[in-house]
Amino acid sequence: MPREMSVQDTVTIAGVSPQEVFEAISDPSRMGRWSPENTGAVIETAGGPAPVGTSFVGANSRFGAKWHTRCVVTASDPGRRFAFDVKAIGLRKPGLKARIATWEYRLEPSTDGTTVTEVWTDGRSGWPAFAAKGFDKVVTRGSTFADWQRGNIARTLANLKKDLERTSA
């Protein structure tokens, strides 16, 4: 069976405009509020939406292991889309350059708020399937990265919805 290279999920956030959702998700330093794995980020341009080309370092944690990633914003379309590429990884600092993943958030107005679609795309397309499968099972304790990220996306979107709906009420 071929490796699943991209997964996504969608949620509707009631009472919140696409611009308001964009302002929240386009500041990577806020992602730790919603993500089960990301614990925050240090960004070159603090506060407000990160423009295309902005670099930031994300802090992450899984099963007690901690690591950092260097990311670059690839799309920053107010009220519509925010995306970034993960370009390097490391324990204390992201020193190992590699195509790791792309994260994208698509926003669409809905009758009762904003529909948000979060997409993860595996950047390890050059890895042989057996190597990726073995690596994935070790670092996720038994899953493929696609399955692991499917769960992370569902939790992130649920947390984002809860947070933004609460603050808009």
Protein backbone atom coordinates (compact mmCIF):
# COMPACT_ATOMS: atom_id res chain seq x y z
CA MET A 1 0.00 0.00 0.00
CA PRO A 2 1.46 3.41 -0.94
CA ARG A 3 2.36 5.85 1.80
CA GLU A 4 -0.27 8.46 2.58
CA MET A 5 1.49 11.78 1.98
CA SER A 6 -1.19 14.27 3.00
CA VAL A 7 -4.05 14.40 5.50
CA GLN A 8 -6.57 17.06 6.40
CA ASP A 9 -9.60 17.81 8.50
CA THR A 10 -12.16 20.61 8.64
CA VAL A 11 -14.12 22.41 11.34
CA THR A 12 -16.56 25.31 11.33
CA ILE A 13 -15.91 28.02 13.91
CA ALA A 14 -19.22 29.72 14.70
CA GLY A 15 -19.49 33.47 15.01
CA VAL A 16 -15.89 34.14 13.93
CA SER A 17 -14.98 35.77 10.61
CA PRO A 18 -12.28 34.40 8.27
CA GLN A 19 -10.19 37.50 9.03
CA GLU A 20 -10.37 36.84 12.79
CA VAL A 21 -9.34 33.20 12.30
CA PHE A 22 -6.53 34.30 9.99
CA GLU A 23 -5.21 36.77 12.57
CA ALA A 24 -5.05 33.97 15.14
CA ILE A 25 -3.41 31.25 13.04
CA SER A 26 -1.03 33.53 11.13
CA ASP A 27 0.88 34.29 14.34
CA PRO A 28 2.90 31.06 14.85
CA SER A 29 3.76 32.05 18.42
CA ARG A 30 0.10 31.32 19.29
CA MET A 31 -0.01 27.76 17.86
CA GLY A 32 1.02 26.20 21.18
CA ARG A 33 -2.41 27.19 22.54
CA TRP A 34 -4.13 24.72 20.21
CA SER A 35 -1.67 22.06 19.05
CA PRO A 36 -1.12 18.88 21.08
CA GLU A 37 2.51 18.77 19.88
CA ASN A 38 3.69 22.32 19.18
CA THR A 39 4.47 24.25 22.36
CA GLY A 40 5.07 27.66 20.76
CA ALA A 41 7.31 29.54 18.38
CA VAL A 42 9.80 32.34 18.23
CA ILE A 43 9.16 34.50 15.19
CA GLU A 44 11.24 37.23 13.50
CA THR A 45 8.29 39.60 13.27
CA ALA A 46 6.46 39.49 16.58
CA GLY A 47 2.77 40.27 16.70
CA GLY A 48 0.29 40.24 13.88
CA PRO A 49 0.13 38.11 10.76
CA ALA A 50 3.44 36.67 9.56
CA PRO A 51 4.08 37.67 5.94
CA VAL A 52 5.40 35.33 3.24
CA GLY A 53 9.12 34.69 3.73
CA THR A 54 8.99 35.08 7.51
CA SER A 55 11.11 32.51 9.35
CA PHE A 56 10.25 31.14 12.77
CA VAL A 57 11.47 28.44 15.11
CA GLY A 58 8.81 26.11 16.47
CA ALA A 59 9.20 24.23 19.74
CA ASN A 60 7.65 20.76 19.89
CA SER A 61 7.20 17.92 22.35
CA ARG A 62 6.02 14.30 21.99
CA PHE A 63 6.25 11.55 24.65
CA GLY A 64 8.65 13.73 26.65
CA ALA A 65 11.03 14.26 23.71
CA LYS A 66 11.58 17.89 22.72
CA TRP A 67 12.83 19.30 19.42
CA HIS A 68 12.84 22.50 17.38
CA THR A 69 12.02 23.19 13.75
CA ARG A 70 12.84 26.07 11.42
CA CYS A 71 9.85 27.05 9.34
CA VAL A 72 9.25 29.55 6.55
CA VAL A 73 5.87 31.12 5.75
CA THR A 74 4.86 30.29 2.16
CA ALA A 75 1.33 31.77 2.06
CA SER A 76 -0.23 34.58 4.04
CA ASP A 77 -3.48 35.64 2.37
CA PRO A 78 -5.59 37.54 4.92
CA GLY A 79 -8.91 35.86 5.59
CA ARG A 80 -8.15 33.03 3.14
CA ARG A 81 -4.97 31.01 3.67
CA PHE A 82 -1.86 30.60 5.81
CA ALA A 83 0.88 28.03 5.14
CA PHE A 84 4.47 27.25 6.05
CA ASP A 85 7.20 24.76 5.20
CA VAL A 86 9.20 22.97 7.90
CA LYS A 87 12.76 23.16 6.57
CA ALA A 88 15.07 22.09 9.42
CA ILE A 89 14.95 20.14 12.67
CA GLY A 90 17.11 19.60 15.74
CA LEU A 91 17.02 18.88 19.44
CA ARG A 92 18.22 22.21 20.81
CA LYS A 93 18.19 24.18 17.56
CA PRO A 94 17.02 23.27 14.06
CA GLY A 95 20.37 22.51 12.45
CA LEU A 96 19.55 19.53 10.22
CA LYS A 97 18.20 20.93 6.94
CA ALA A 98 15.64 18.71 5.25
CA ARG A 99 12.23 18.83 3.61
CA ILE A 100 10.08 17.77 6.54
CA ALA A 101 6.50 18.90 6.04
CA THR A 102 4.11 21.61 4.93
CA TRP A 103 1.25 22.89 7.06
CA GLU A 104 -1.63 24.82 5.51
CA TYR A 105 -4.79 26.45 6.85
CA ARG A 106 -7.57 27.25 4.35
CA LEU A 107 -10.37 29.57 5.44
CA GLU A 108 -13.80 29.93 3.87
CA PRO A 109 -16.76 31.97 5.06
CA SER A 110 -19.76 29.88 6.08
CA THR A 111 -23.32 30.82 6.97
CA ASP A 112 -22.48 30.70 10.68
CA GLY A 113 -18.79 31.64 10.79
CA THR A 114 -15.66 30.25 9.16
CA THR A 115 -14.81 26.81 7.83
CA VAL A 116 -11.16 26.00 8.58
CA THR A 117 -9.31 23.19 6.81
CA GLU A 118 -5.92 22.19 8.20
CA VAL A 119 -3.66 20.22 5.85
CA TRP A 120 -0.42 18.39 6.62
CA THR A 121 1.75 17.23 3.72
CA ASP A 122 4.72 14.95 4.32
CA GLY A 123 7.89 16.48 2.91
CA ARG A 124 9.80 13.18 3.00
CA SER A 125 8.74 12.11 -0.49
CA GLY A 126 12.28 10.97 -1.30
CA TRP A 127 12.41 8.48 1.56
CA PRO A 128 11.94 4.82 0.65
CA ALA A 129 8.60 3.56 1.98
CA PHE A 130 10.19 0.96 4.29
CA ALA A 131 12.47 3.59 5.89
CA ALA A 132 9.62 6.06 6.44
CA LYS A 133 7.37 3.34 7.84
CA GLY A 134 10.05 2.16 10.29
CA PHE A 135 10.95 5.70 11.39
CA ASP A 136 7.29 6.64 11.81
CA LYS A 137 6.51 3.62 13.99
CA VAL A 138 9.41 4.44 16.32
CA VAL A 139 8.72 8.17 16.77
CA THR A 140 4.92 7.83 17.03
CA ARG A 141 4.97 4.58 19.03
CA GLY A 142 3.24 2.52 16.38
CA SER A 143 1.51 4.84 13.88
CA THR A 144 2.30 6.16 10.47
CA PHE A 145 2.89 9.92 10.37
CA ALA A 146 -0.30 10.32 8.34
CA ASP A 147 -2.37 8.64 11.07
CA TRP A 148 -0.50 10.52 13.80
CA GLN A 149 -1.06 13.88 12.10
CA ARG A 150 -4.72 13.08 11.47
CA GLY A 151 -5.16 12.91 15.25
CA ASN A 152 -3.07 16.04 15.84
CA ILE A 153 -5.09 18.00 13.29
CA ALA A 154 -8.41 16.93 14.84
CA ARG A 155 -7.23 18.03 18.30
CA THR A 156 -5.75 21.30 17.01
CA LEU A 157 -8.96 22.23 15.18
CA ALA A 158 -11.13 21.32 18.18
CA ASN A 159 -8.95 23.47 20.46
CA LEU A 160 -8.90 26.36 17.95
CA LYS A 161 -12.71 26.22 17.66
CA LYS A 162 -13.20 26.16 21.43
CA ASP A 163 -10.75 29.04 21.99
CA LEU A 164 -12.00 31.33 19.22
CA GLU A 165 -15.70 30.71 19.86
CA ARG A 166 -15.19 31.42 23.58
CA THR A 167 -13.38 34.70 22.91
CA SER A 168 -16.00 35.84 20.36
CA ALA A 169 -18.96 35.17 22.67
